[in-house]
PDB file of N, CA and C in Angstrom:
ATOM      1  N   MET A   1       1.164  -1.156   0.044  1.00  0.00           N
ATOM      2  CA  MET A   1       0.037  -0.238   0.228  1.00  0.00           C
ATOM      3  C   MET A   1       0.862   1.475  -0.127  1.00  0.00           C
ATOM      4  N   GLU A   2       0.924   2.489  -1.064  1.00  0.00           N
ATOM      5  CA  GLU A   2       1.072   3.485  -0.920  1.00  0.00           C
ATOM      6  C   GLU A   2       0.869   4.285   0.074  1.00  0.00           C
ATOM      7  N   LYS A   3       1.735   5.104   0.534  1.00  0.00           N
ATOM      8  CA  LYS A   3       1.210   6.076   1.107  1.00  0.00           C
ATOM      9  C   LYS A   3       1.175   7.438   0.557  1.00  0.00           C
ATOM     10  N   THR A   4      -0.175   8.449   1.420  1.00  0.00           N
ATOM     11  CA  THR A   4      -0.691   9.370   0.563  1.00  0.00           C
ATOM     12  C   THR A   4       0.663  10.331   0.890  1.00  0.00           C
ATOM     13  N   THR A   5       0.317  11.630  -0.226  1.00  0.00           N
ATOM     14  CA  THR A   5       1.253  12.424   0.194  1.00  0.00           C
ATOM     15  C   THR A   5       1.385  13.050   1.574  1.00  0.00           C
ATOM     16  N   GLU A   6       0.321  13.413   2.555  1.00  0.00           N
ATOM     17  CA  GLU A   6       0.099  13.918   3.361  1.00  0.00           C
ATOM     18  C   GLU A   6       0.766  12.693   5.057  1.00  0.00           C
ATOM     19  N   ALA A   7       0.820  12.189   4.520  1.00  0.00           N
ATOM     20  CA  ALA A   7       1.407  11.221   5.595  1.00  0.00           C
ATOM     21  C   ALA A   7       3.209  11.143   5.839  1.00  0.00           C
ATOM     22  N   PHE A   8       2.642  10.819   7.141  1.00  0.00           N
ATOM     23  CA  PHE A   8       4.570  11.164   7.564  1.00  0.00           C
ATOM     24  C   PHE A   8       5.261  10.083   7.344  1.00  0.00           C
ATOM     25  N   ARG A   9       6.812  10.136   7.141  1.00  0.00           N
ATOM     26  CA  ARG A   9       7.803   9.000   6.605  1.00  0.00           C
ATOM     27  C   ARG A   9       8.714   9.352   7.054  1.00  0.00           C
ATOM     28  N   THR A  10       9.235   8.069   7.474  1.00  0.00           N
ATOM     29  CA  THR A  10      10.299   8.084   8.514  1.00  0.00           C
ATOM     30  C   THR A  10      11.792   8.322   7.717  1.00  0.00           C
ATOM     31  N   ILE A  11      12.692   8.620   8.679  1.00  0.00           N
ATOM     32  CA  ILE A  11      13.767   9.063   8.076  1.00  0.00           C
ATOM     33  C   ILE A  11      14.166   7.375   6.708  1.00  0.00           C
ATOM     34  N   GLY A  12      13.982   6.336   7.206  1.00  0.00           N
ATOM     35  CA  GLY A  12      14.240   5.877   6.338  1.00  0.00           C
ATOM     36  C   GLY A  12      14.621   6.218   4.988  1.00  0.00           C
ATOM     37  N   GLU A  13      12.784   6.074   4.864  1.00  0.00           N
ATOM     38  CA  GLU A  13      11.674   6.079   3.566  1.00  0.00           C
ATOM     39  C   GLU A  13      12.052   8.053   2.659  1.00  0.00           C
ATOM     40  N   VAL A  14      12.224   8.384   3.697  1.00  0.00           N
ATOM     41  CA  VAL A  14      12.997  10.245   3.465  1.00  0.00           C
ATOM     42  C   VAL A  14      14.695   9.922   2.732  1.00  0.00           C
ATOM     43  N   ALA A  15      15.485   9.469   3.123  1.00  0.00           N
ATOM     44  CA  ALA A  15      16.781   8.593   2.794  1.00  0.00           C
ATOM     45  C   ALA A  15      16.111   8.109   1.315  1.00  0.00           C
ATOM     46  N   ASP A  16      15.531   7.307   1.208  1.00  0.00           N
ATOM     47  CA  ASP A  16      15.414   6.250   0.113  1.00  0.00           C
ATOM     48  C   ASP A  16      15.031   6.908  -1.430  1.00  0.00           C
ATOM     49  N   GLU A  17      14.437   8.242  -0.780  1.00  0.00           N
ATOM     50  CA  GLU A  17      12.913   8.948  -1.456  1.00  0.00           C
ATOM     51  C   GLU A  17      14.189   9.963  -2.373  1.00  0.00           C
ATOM     52  N   LEU A  18      14.675  10.851  -1.285  1.00  0.00           N
ATOM     53  CA  LEU A  18      15.889  11.316  -1.805  1.00  0.00           C
ATOM     54  C   LEU A  18      17.278  10.974  -2.425  1.00  0.00           C
ATOM     55  N   ASP A  19      17.542   9.548  -2.106  1.00  0.00           N
ATOM     56  CA  ASP A  19      18.563   9.157  -2.744  1.00  0.00           C
ATOM     57  C   ASP A  19      19.961   9.545  -1.145  1.00  0.00           C
ATOM     58  N   LEU A  20      19.437   9.917  -0.571  1.00  0.00           N
ATOM     59  CA  LEU A  20      20.631  10.561   0.722  1.00  0.00           C
ATOM     60  C   LEU A  20      20.344   9.927   1.548  1.00  0.00           C
ATOM     61  N   PRO A  21      22.115   9.184   2.454  1.00  0.00           N
ATOM     62  CA  PRO A  21      22.374   8.569   3.801  1.00  0.00           C
ATOM     63  C   PRO A  21      21.129   8.860   4.655  1.00  0.00           C
ATOM     64  N   GLN A  22      21.427   8.246   5.734  1.00  0.00           N
ATOM     65  CA  GLN A  22      20.666   8.785   6.979  1.00  0.00           C
ATOM     66  C   GLN A  22      21.544   9.520   7.643  1.00  0.00           C
ATOM     67  N   HIS A  23      22.645   9.289   7.451  1.00  0.00           N
ATOM     68  CA  HIS A  23      23.323  10.404   8.438  1.00  0.00           C
ATOM     69  C   HIS A  23      23.077  11.700   8.244  1.00  0.00           C
ATOM     70  N   VAL A  24      23.781  11.536   6.387  1.00  0.00           N
ATOM     71  CA  VAL A  24      22.816  13.648   5.970  1.00  0.00           C
ATOM     72  C   VAL A  24      22.420  14.047   6.472  1.00  0.00           C
ATOM     73  N   LEU A  25      21.312  13.039   6.757  1.00  0.00           N
ATOM     74  CA  LEU A  25      19.108  14.201   7.135  1.00  0.00           C
ATOM     75  C   LEU A  25      20.014  14.493   8.229  1.00  0.00           C
ATOM     76  N   ARG A  26      20.425  13.425   9.008  1.00  0.00           N
ATOM     77  CA  ARG A  26      20.705  14.033  10.627  1.00  0.00           C
ATOM     78  C   ARG A  26      21.666  15.566  10.351  1.00  0.00           C
ATOM     79  N   PHE A  27      22.821  14.669  10.146  1.00  0.00           N
ATOM     80  CA  PHE A  27      23.564  15.676   9.841  1.00  0.00           C
ATOM     81  C   PHE A  27      22.598  17.525   9.854  1.00  0.00           C
ATOM     82  N   TRP A  28      22.071  16.806   8.315  1.00  0.00           N
ATOM     83  CA  TRP A  28      21.373  18.899   8.333  1.00  0.00           C
ATOM     84  C   TRP A  28      20.624  19.176   9.090  1.00  0.00           C
ATOM     85  N   GLU A  29      19.693  18.032   9.893  1.00  0.00           N
ATOM     86  CA  GLU A  29      18.500  18.602  10.921  1.00  0.00           C
ATOM     87  C   GLU A  29      20.089  19.889  12.248  1.00  0.00           C
ATOM     88  N   THR A  30      21.531  19.146  12.220  1.00  0.00           N
ATOM     89  CA  THR A  30      21.892  19.774  13.024  1.00  0.00           C
ATOM     90  C   THR A  30      22.559  21.627  12.136  1.00  0.00           C
ATOM     91  N   LYS A  31      22.152  21.567  10.700  1.00  0.00           N
ATOM     92  CA  LYS A  31      22.825  22.723   9.589  1.00  0.00           C
ATOM     93  C   LYS A  31      21.935  23.577  10.017  1.00  0.00           C
ATOM     94  N   PHE A  32      20.482  22.968   9.267  1.00  0.00           N
ATOM     95  CA  PHE A  32      19.649  23.624   9.343  1.00  0.00           C
ATOM     96  C   PHE A  32      18.679  23.490   9.709  1.00  0.00           C
ATOM     97  N   ILE A  33      18.444  24.894  10.772  1.00  0.00           N
ATOM     98  CA  ILE A  33      16.975  24.588  11.946  1.00  0.00           C
ATOM     99  C   ILE A  33      15.535  24.658  11.876  1.00  0.00           C
ATOM    100  N   GLN A  34      15.427  24.778  10.016  1.00  0.00           N
ATOM    101  CA  GLN A  34      14.337  24.804   9.358  1.00  0.00           C
ATOM    102  C   GLN A  34      13.429  23.425   9.876  1.00  0.00           C
ATOM    103  N   ILE A  35      14.833  22.385   9.703  1.00  0.00           N
ATOM    104  CA  ILE A  35      14.246  20.741   9.299  1.00  0.00           C
ATOM    105  C   ILE A  35      14.654  20.158  10.297  1.00  0.00           C
ATOM    106  N   ARG A  36      12.878  20.103  11.204  1.00  0.00           N
ATOM    107  CA  ARG A  36      12.429  19.464  11.408  1.00  0.00           C
ATOM    108  C   ARG A  36      11.144  18.365  12.008  1.00  0.00           C
ATOM    109  N   PRO A  37      11.662  17.564  11.691  1.00  0.00           N
ATOM    110  CA  PRO A  37      10.792  15.770  12.006  1.00  0.00           C
ATOM    111  C   PRO A  37      10.209  15.877  13.320  1.00  0.00           C
ATOM    112  N   VAL A  38       9.448  14.967  13.612  1.00  0.00           N
ATOM    113  CA  VAL A  38       8.671  15.140  14.182  1.00  0.00           C
ATOM    114  C   VAL A  38       9.528  14.014  15.350  1.00  0.00           C
ATOM    115  N   LYS A  39       9.896  14.230  16.593  1.00  0.00           N
ATOM    116  CA  LYS A  39      10.475  12.812  16.746  1.00  0.00           C
ATOM    117  C   LYS A  39       9.637  11.926  17.854  1.00  0.00           C
ATOM    118  N   ARG A  40       8.645  11.516  17.815  1.00  0.00           N
ATOM    119  CA  ARG A  40       8.268  10.375  18.979  1.00  0.00           C
ATOM    120  C   ARG A  40       9.285   9.411  20.052  1.00  0.00           C
ATOM    121  N   ALA A  41       8.471   8.326  20.604  1.00  0.00           N
ATOM    122  CA  ALA A  41       9.067   8.259  21.671  1.00  0.00           C
ATOM    123  C   ALA A  41      10.755   7.697  20.996  1.00  0.00           C
ATOM    124  N   GLY A  42      11.464   7.146  21.759  1.00  0.00           N
ATOM    125  CA  GLY A  42      12.657   6.696  21.102  1.00  0.00           C
ATOM    126  C   GLY A  42      13.293   7.249  20.361  1.00  0.00           C
ATOM    127  N   GLY A  43      13.190   8.647  20.229  1.00  0.00           N
ATOM    128  CA  GLY A  43      13.926   9.456  19.009  1.00  0.00           C
ATOM    129  C   GLY A  43      13.221   9.478  18.301  1.00  0.00           C
ATOM    130  N   ARG A  44      12.893   8.084  17.084  1.00  0.00           N
ATOM    131  CA  ARG A  44      12.507   7.798  15.834  1.00  0.00           C
ATOM    132  C   ARG A  44      11.206   9.016  15.137  1.00  0.00           C
ATOM    133  N   ARG A  45      12.255   9.352  13.795  1.00  0.00           N
ATOM    134  CA  ARG A  45      12.269  10.942  13.748  1.00  0.00           C
ATOM    135  C   ARG A  45      10.930  10.425  12.298  1.00  0.00           C
ATOM    136  N   TYR A  46       9.934  11.696  12.400  1.00  0.00           N
ATOM    137  CA  TYR A  46       9.448  11.617  11.232  1.00  0.00           C
ATOM    138  C   TYR A  46       9.135  12.994  10.442  1.00  0.00           C
ATOM    139  N   TYR A  47       8.928  12.696   9.415  1.00  0.00           N
ATOM    140  CA  TYR A  47       9.076  13.913   8.171  1.00  0.00           C
ATOM    141  C   TYR A  47       7.493  14.107   7.327  1.00  0.00           C
ATOM    142  N   ARG A  48       7.467  15.752   8.134  1.00  0.00           N
ATOM    143  CA  ARG A  48       5.974  16.013   7.377  1.00  0.00           C
ATOM    144  C   ARG A  48       6.675  16.182   5.777  1.00  0.00           C
ATOM    145  N   GLN A  49       5.450  16.557   4.492  1.00  0.00           N
ATOM    146  CA  GLN A  49       5.451  16.737   3.129  1.00  0.00           C
ATOM    147  C   GLN A  49       6.509  18.151   3.400  1.00  0.00           C
ATOM    148  N   ASP A  50       6.490  18.975   4.635  1.00  0.00           N
ATOM    149  CA  ASP A  50       7.299  20.290   4.165  1.00  0.00           C
ATOM    150  C   ASP A  50       8.950  20.004   4.789  1.00  0.00           C
ATOM    151  N   ASP A  51       8.688  19.109   5.186  1.00  0.00           N
ATOM    152  CA  ASP A  51      10.163  18.554   5.831  1.00  0.00           C
ATOM    153  C   ASP A  51      10.652  18.258   4.705  1.00  0.00           C
ATOM    154  N   VAL A  52       9.723  17.185   4.187  1.00  0.00           N
ATOM    155  CA  VAL A  52      10.716  16.040   2.605  1.00  0.00           C
ATOM    156  C   VAL A  52      10.766  17.412   1.535  1.00  0.00           C
ATOM    157  N   ALA A  53       9.824  18.186   1.728  1.00  0.00           N
ATOM    158  CA  ALA A  53      10.425  19.082   0.414  1.00  0.00           C
ATOM    159  C   ALA A  53      11.298  20.573   0.605  1.00  0.00           C
ATOM    160  N   LEU A  54      11.114  20.446   2.140  1.00  0.00           N
ATOM    161  CA  LEU A  54      12.633  21.234   2.291  1.00  0.00           C
ATOM    162  C   LEU A  54      14.280  20.858   2.035  1.00  0.00           C
ATOM    163  N   VAL A  55      14.247  19.046   2.578  1.00  0.00           N
ATOM    164  CA  VAL A  55      14.851  18.999   2.487  1.00  0.00           C
ATOM    165  C   VAL A  55      15.568  18.250   0.544  1.00  0.00           C
ATOM    166  N   ALA A  56      14.702  17.850  -0.348  1.00  0.00           N
ATOM    167  CA  ALA A  56      15.077  18.080  -1.662  1.00  0.00           C
ATOM    168  C   ALA A  56      15.346  19.466  -1.810  1.00  0.00           C
ATOM    169  N   ALA A  57      15.439  20.486  -1.539  1.00  0.00           N
ATOM    170  CA  ALA A  57      15.224  21.326  -1.994  1.00  0.00           C
ATOM    171  C   ALA A  57      17.274  21.816  -2.113  1.00  0.00           C
ATOM    172  N   ILE A  58      17.232  21.140  -0.701  1.00  0.00           N
ATOM    173  CA  ILE A  58      18.672  21.858   0.398  1.00  0.00           C
ATOM    174  C   ILE A  58      19.216  20.799  -0.589  1.00  0.00           C
ATOM    175  N   ARG A  59      18.687  19.435  -0.895  1.00  0.00           N
ATOM    176  CA  ARG A  59      19.185  19.039  -1.760  1.00  0.00           C
ATOM    177  C   ARG A  59      20.286  18.778  -3.184  1.00  0.00           C
ATOM    178  N   VAL A  60      19.049  19.945  -3.611  1.00  0.00           N
ATOM    179  CA  VAL A  60      19.005  20.322  -4.850  1.00  0.00           C
ATOM    180  C   VAL A  60      20.197  21.471  -4.935  1.00  0.00           C
ATOM    181  N   LEU A  61      19.829  22.057  -4.340  1.00  0.00           N
ATOM    182  CA  LEU A  61      20.768  23.461  -4.427  1.00  0.00           C
ATOM    183  C   LEU A  61      22.396  23.314  -3.168  1.00  0.00           C
ATOM    184  N   LEU A  62      22.447  22.078  -2.379  1.00  0.00           N
ATOM    185  CA  LEU A  62      24.253  21.568  -2.438  1.00  0.00           C
ATOM    186  C   LEU A  62      24.667  20.537  -3.803  1.00  0.00           C
ATOM    187  N   TYR A  63      24.156  19.879  -4.079  1.00  0.00           N
ATOM    188  CA  TYR A  63      24.839  18.513  -4.596  1.00  0.00           C
ATOM    189  C   TYR A  63      24.382  18.725  -6.077  1.00  0.00           C
ATOM    190  N   SER A  64      23.253  19.990  -6.538  1.00  0.00           N
ATOM    191  CA  SER A  64      22.937  20.021  -8.111  1.00  0.00           C
ATOM    192  C   SER A  64      23.961  21.443  -8.277  1.00  0.00           C
ATOM    193  N   GLU A  65      23.514  21.773  -7.646  1.00  0.00           N
ATOM    194  CA  GLU A  65      23.622  23.569  -7.939  1.00  0.00           C
ATOM    195  C   GLU A  65      24.847  23.862  -7.550  1.00  0.00           C
ATOM    196  N   GLY A  66      25.235  23.645  -6.398  1.00  0.00           N
ATOM    197  CA  GLY A  66      26.948  24.178  -6.532  1.00  0.00           C
ATOM    198  C   GLY A  66      26.896  25.067  -4.837  1.00  0.00           C
ATOM    199  N   TYR A  67      25.461  25.094  -4.324  1.00  0.00           N
ATOM    200  CA  TYR A  67      25.980  26.062  -3.516  1.00  0.00           C
ATOM    201  C   TYR A  67      26.518  25.393  -1.708  1.00  0.00           C
ATOM    202  N   THR A  68      26.580  26.528  -0.689  1.00  0.00           N
ATOM    203  CA  THR A  68      27.671  26.012   0.425  1.00  0.00           C
ATOM    204  C   THR A  68      26.860  25.873   1.188  1.00  0.00           C
ATOM    205  N   ILE A  69      27.027  24.758   2.220  1.00  0.00           N
ATOM    206  CA  ILE A  69      26.501  25.520   3.347  1.00  0.00           C
ATOM    207  C   ILE A  69      25.751  26.250   3.918  1.00  0.00           C
ATOM    208  N   LYS A  70      26.685  27.254   3.960  1.00  0.00           N
ATOM    209  CA  LYS A  70      26.383  28.267   4.717  1.00  0.00           C
ATOM    210  C   LYS A  70      25.725  29.057   3.662  1.00  0.00           C
ATOM    211  N   GLY A  71      25.567  28.924   2.076  1.00  0.00           N
ATOM    212  CA  GLY A  71      24.935  30.263   1.544  1.00  0.00           C
ATOM    213  C   GLY A  71      23.391  29.087   2.168  1.00  0.00           C
ATOM    214  N   VAL A  72      23.667  28.345   1.952  1.00  0.00           N
ATOM    215  CA  VAL A  72      21.685  27.740   1.338  1.00  0.00           C
ATOM    216  C   VAL A  72      21.336  27.919   3.020  1.00  0.00           C
ATOM    217  N   GLN A  73      22.691  28.167   4.618  1.00  0.00           N
ATOM    218  CA  GLN A  73      21.553  28.886   5.502  1.00  0.00           C
ATOM    219  C   GLN A  73      21.340  30.183   5.164  1.00  0.00           C
ATOM    220  N   ARG A  74      22.014  30.857   4.369  1.00  0.00           N
ATOM    221  CA  ARG A  74      21.567  32.640   4.175  1.00  0.00           C
ATOM    222  C   ARG A  74      20.404  32.686   4.144  1.00  0.00           C
ATOM    223  N   ILE A  75      19.895  31.512   2.975  1.00  0.00           N
ATOM    224  CA  ILE A  75      19.018  31.678   2.182  1.00  0.00           C
ATOM    225  C   ILE A  75      17.814  31.542   2.636  1.00  0.00           C
ATOM    226  N   LEU A  76      18.226  30.885   4.350  1.00  0.00           N
ATOM    227  CA  LEU A  76      16.989  30.149   4.691  1.00  0.00           C
ATOM    228  C   LEU A  76      16.694  31.305   5.580  1.00  0.00           C
ATOM    229  N   LYS A  77      18.201  31.951   6.526  1.00  0.00           N
ATOM    230  CA  LYS A  77      17.431  33.280   7.573  1.00  0.00           C
ATOM    231  C   LYS A  77      17.061  34.000   7.179  1.00  0.00           C
ATOM    232  N   GLU A  78      17.390  34.826   5.608  1.00  0.00           N
ATOM    233  CA  GLU A  78      17.116  35.864   4.744  1.00  0.00           C
ATOM    234  C   GLU A  78      15.993  36.140   4.338  1.00  0.00           C
ATOM    235  N   GLN A  79      14.833  35.024   3.560  1.00  0.00           N
ATOM    236  CA  GLN A  79      14.372  34.490   2.543  1.00  0.00           C
ATOM    237  C   GLN A  79      13.135  33.635   3.047  1.00  0.00           C
ATOM    238  N   GLY A  80      13.488  32.357   4.264  1.00  0.00           N
ATOM    239  CA  GLY A  80      13.013  31.388   4.569  1.00  0.00           C
ATOM    240  C   GLY A  80      13.134  30.246   3.254  1.00  0.00           C
ATOM    241  N   ALA A  81      12.185  29.259   4.527  1.00  0.00           N
ATOM    242  CA  ALA A  81      12.536  27.991   3.199  1.00  0.00           C
ATOM    243  C   ALA A  81      11.435  27.945   1.651  1.00  0.00           C
ATOM    244  N   ARG A  82      10.762  28.538   1.879  1.00  0.00           N
ATOM    245  CA  ARG A  82       9.529  28.700   0.769  1.00  0.00           C
ATOM    246  C   ARG A  82      10.982  29.484  -0.855  1.00  0.00           C
ATOM    247  N   ALA A  83      11.791  30.409  -0.484  1.00  0.00           N
ATOM    248  CA  ALA A  83      12.720  30.955  -1.700  1.00  0.00           C
ATOM    249  C   ALA A  83      13.752  29.308  -1.500  1.00  0.00           C
ATOM    250  N   VAL A  84      13.728  29.288  -0.651  1.00  0.00           N
ATOM    251  CA  VAL A  84      15.127  27.861  -0.713  1.00  0.00           C
ATOM    252  C   VAL A  84      14.545  27.341  -1.764  1.00  0.00           C
ATOM    253  N   ILE A  85      13.369  26.751  -1.303  1.00  0.00           N
ATOM    254  CA  ILE A  85      12.134  25.822  -2.819  1.00  0.00           C
ATOM    255  C   ILE A  85      12.406  26.263  -4.159  1.00  0.00           C
ATOM    256  N   ALA A  86      11.799  27.465  -3.900  1.00  0.00           N
ATOM    257  CA  ALA A  86      12.118  27.803  -4.973  1.00  0.00           C
ATOM    258  C   ALA A  86      13.097  28.052  -6.165  1.00  0.00           C
ATOM    259  N   ALA A  87      14.316  28.499  -5.115  1.00  0.00           N
ATOM    260  CA  ALA A  87      15.455  28.807  -5.620  1.00  0.00           C
ATOM    261  C   ALA A  87      16.133  27.063  -6.298  1.00  0.00           C
ATOM    262  N   SER A  88      16.010  26.623  -6.152  1.00  0.00           N
ATOM    263  CA  SER A  88      16.239  25.181  -6.149  1.00  0.00           C
ATOM    264  C   SER A  88      15.062  24.177  -7.427  1.00  0.00           C
ATOM    265  N   ASN A  89      13.982  25.349  -8.069  1.00  0.00           N
ATOM    266  CA  ASN A  89      13.351  24.388  -8.526  1.00  0.00           C
ATOM    267  C   ASN A  89      13.428  25.384  -9.940  1.00  0.00           C
ATOM    268  N   ALA A  90      14.196  27.130  -9.488  1.00  0.00           N
ATOM    269  CA  ALA A  90      14.664  27.843 -10.984  1.00  0.00           C
ATOM    270  C   ALA A  90      15.870  27.310 -11.472  1.00  0.00           C
ATOM    271  N   PRO A  91      15.346  27.959 -13.311  1.00  0.00           N
ATOM    272  CA  PRO A  91      16.592  27.504 -13.704  1.00  0.00           C
ATOM    273  C   PRO A  91      17.852  28.400 -13.286  1.00  0.00           C
ATOM    274  N   ARG A  92      18.582  28.298 -14.058  1.00  0.00           N
ATOM    275  CA  ARG A  92      19.447  29.802 -13.721  1.00  0.00           C
ATOM    276  C   ARG A  92      19.903  30.331 -14.818  1.00  0.00           C
ATOM    277  N   ALA A  93      19.638  31.560 -14.487  1.00  0.00           N
ATOM    278  CA  ALA A  93      19.721  32.345 -15.704  1.00  0.00           C
ATOM    279  C   ALA A  93      21.189  32.861 -16.186  1.00  0.00           C
ATOM    280  N   ALA A  94      22.045  33.739 -14.887  1.00  0.00           N
ATOM    281  CA  ALA A  94      23.081  34.407 -14.988  1.00  0.00           C
ATOM    282  C   ALA A  94      24.248  33.680 -15.101  1.00  0.00           C
ATOM    283  N   ALA A  95      24.359  32.532 -14.398  1.00  0.00           N
ATOM    284  CA  ALA A  95      25.387  31.339 -14.812  1.00  0.00           C
ATOM    285  C   ALA A  95      25.583  30.717 -15.927  1.00  0.00           C
ATOM    286  N   PRO A  96      26.458  30.003 -16.744  1.00  0.00           N
ATOM    287  CA  PRO A  96      26.815  29.183 -18.007  1.00  0.00           C
ATOM    288  C   PRO A  96      26.337  27.509 -17.079  1.00  0.00           C
ATOM    289  N   PRO A  97      25.798  26.977 -18.653  1.00  0.00           N
ATOM    290  CA  PRO A  97      25.606  25.456 -17.741  1.00  0.00           C
ATOM    291  C   PRO A  97      26.808  25.297 -17.355  1.00  0.00           C
ATOM    292  N   GLY A  98      26.322  24.206 -16.539  1.00  0.00           N
ATOM    293  CA  GLY A  98      27.183  23.635 -15.417  1.00  0.00           C
ATOM    294  C   GLY A  98      28.482  24.807 -14.510  1.00  0.00           C
ATOM    295  N   ALA A  99      27.962  25.643 -14.854  1.00  0.00           N
ATOM    296  CA  ALA A  99      28.886  26.567 -13.737  1.00  0.00           C
ATOM    297  C   ALA A  99      27.856  26.423 -11.982  1.00  0.00           C
ATOM    298  N   PRO A 100      29.075  25.953 -11.116  1.00  0.00           N
ATOM    299  CA  PRO A 100      28.506  25.689  -9.802  1.00  0.00           C
ATOM    300  C   PRO A 100      28.079  27.574  -9.278  1.00  0.00           C
ATOM    301  N   ILE A 101      26.778  27.687  -8.731  1.00  0.00           N
ATOM    302  CA  ILE A 101      26.584  29.235  -8.023  1.00  0.00           C
ATOM    303  C   ILE A 101      27.289  28.647  -6.668  1.00  0.00           C
ATOM    304  N   ARG A 102      27.872  29.727  -5.860  1.00  0.00           N
ATOM    305  CA  ARG A 102      28.412  29.620  -4.253  1.00  0.00           C
ATOM    306  C   ARG A 102      27.463  30.483  -4.045  1.00  0.00           C
ATOM    307  N   ILE A 103      27.614  30.821  -2.822  1.00  0.00           N
ATOM    308  CA  ILE A 103      26.532  32.301  -1.939  1.00  0.00           C
ATOM    309  C   ILE A 103      27.550  31.808  -0.322  1.00  0.00           C
ATOM    310  N   GLU A 104      28.511  32.509  -0.088  1.00  0.00           N
ATOM    311  CA  GLU A 104      29.092  33.165   1.233  1.00  0.00           C
ATOM    312  C   GLU A 104      28.725  33.593   1.731  1.00  0.00           C
ATOM    313  N   PRO A 105      28.910  33.891   2.986  1.00  0.00           N
ATOM    314  CA  PRO A 105      28.820  34.732   4.163  1.00  0.00           C
ATOM    315  C   PRO A 105      29.665  36.299   3.616  1.00  0.00           C
ATOM    316  N   GLU A 106      29.313  37.518   4.129  1.00  0.00           N
ATOM    317  CA  GLU A 106      29.950  38.306   3.618  1.00  0.00           C
ATOM    318  C   GLU A 106      31.510  38.593   5.094  1.00  0.00           C
TER     319      GLU A 106
END
């Protein structure tokens, strides 16, 4: 039986869906305070759909677009999670194809 899009996901399900190791998800929770899975008894994590969308967007920015962790943190701090999700979906207009985009703190 397939879960609905609104159903909570375990860390294993999110890791499989996004092709990320579970330890990376746990590490990103320490770097991006906006990733806040629900923790149940025994510390088991359950990700909401918004959490999964944010993690997927962060993955795109870090792995495909060449952002640094600090760069993504800066976008999250200044513009919020929706801006990160939008940036991960937006085509790169100014950069030549294949050129990494890096945002560092000033």
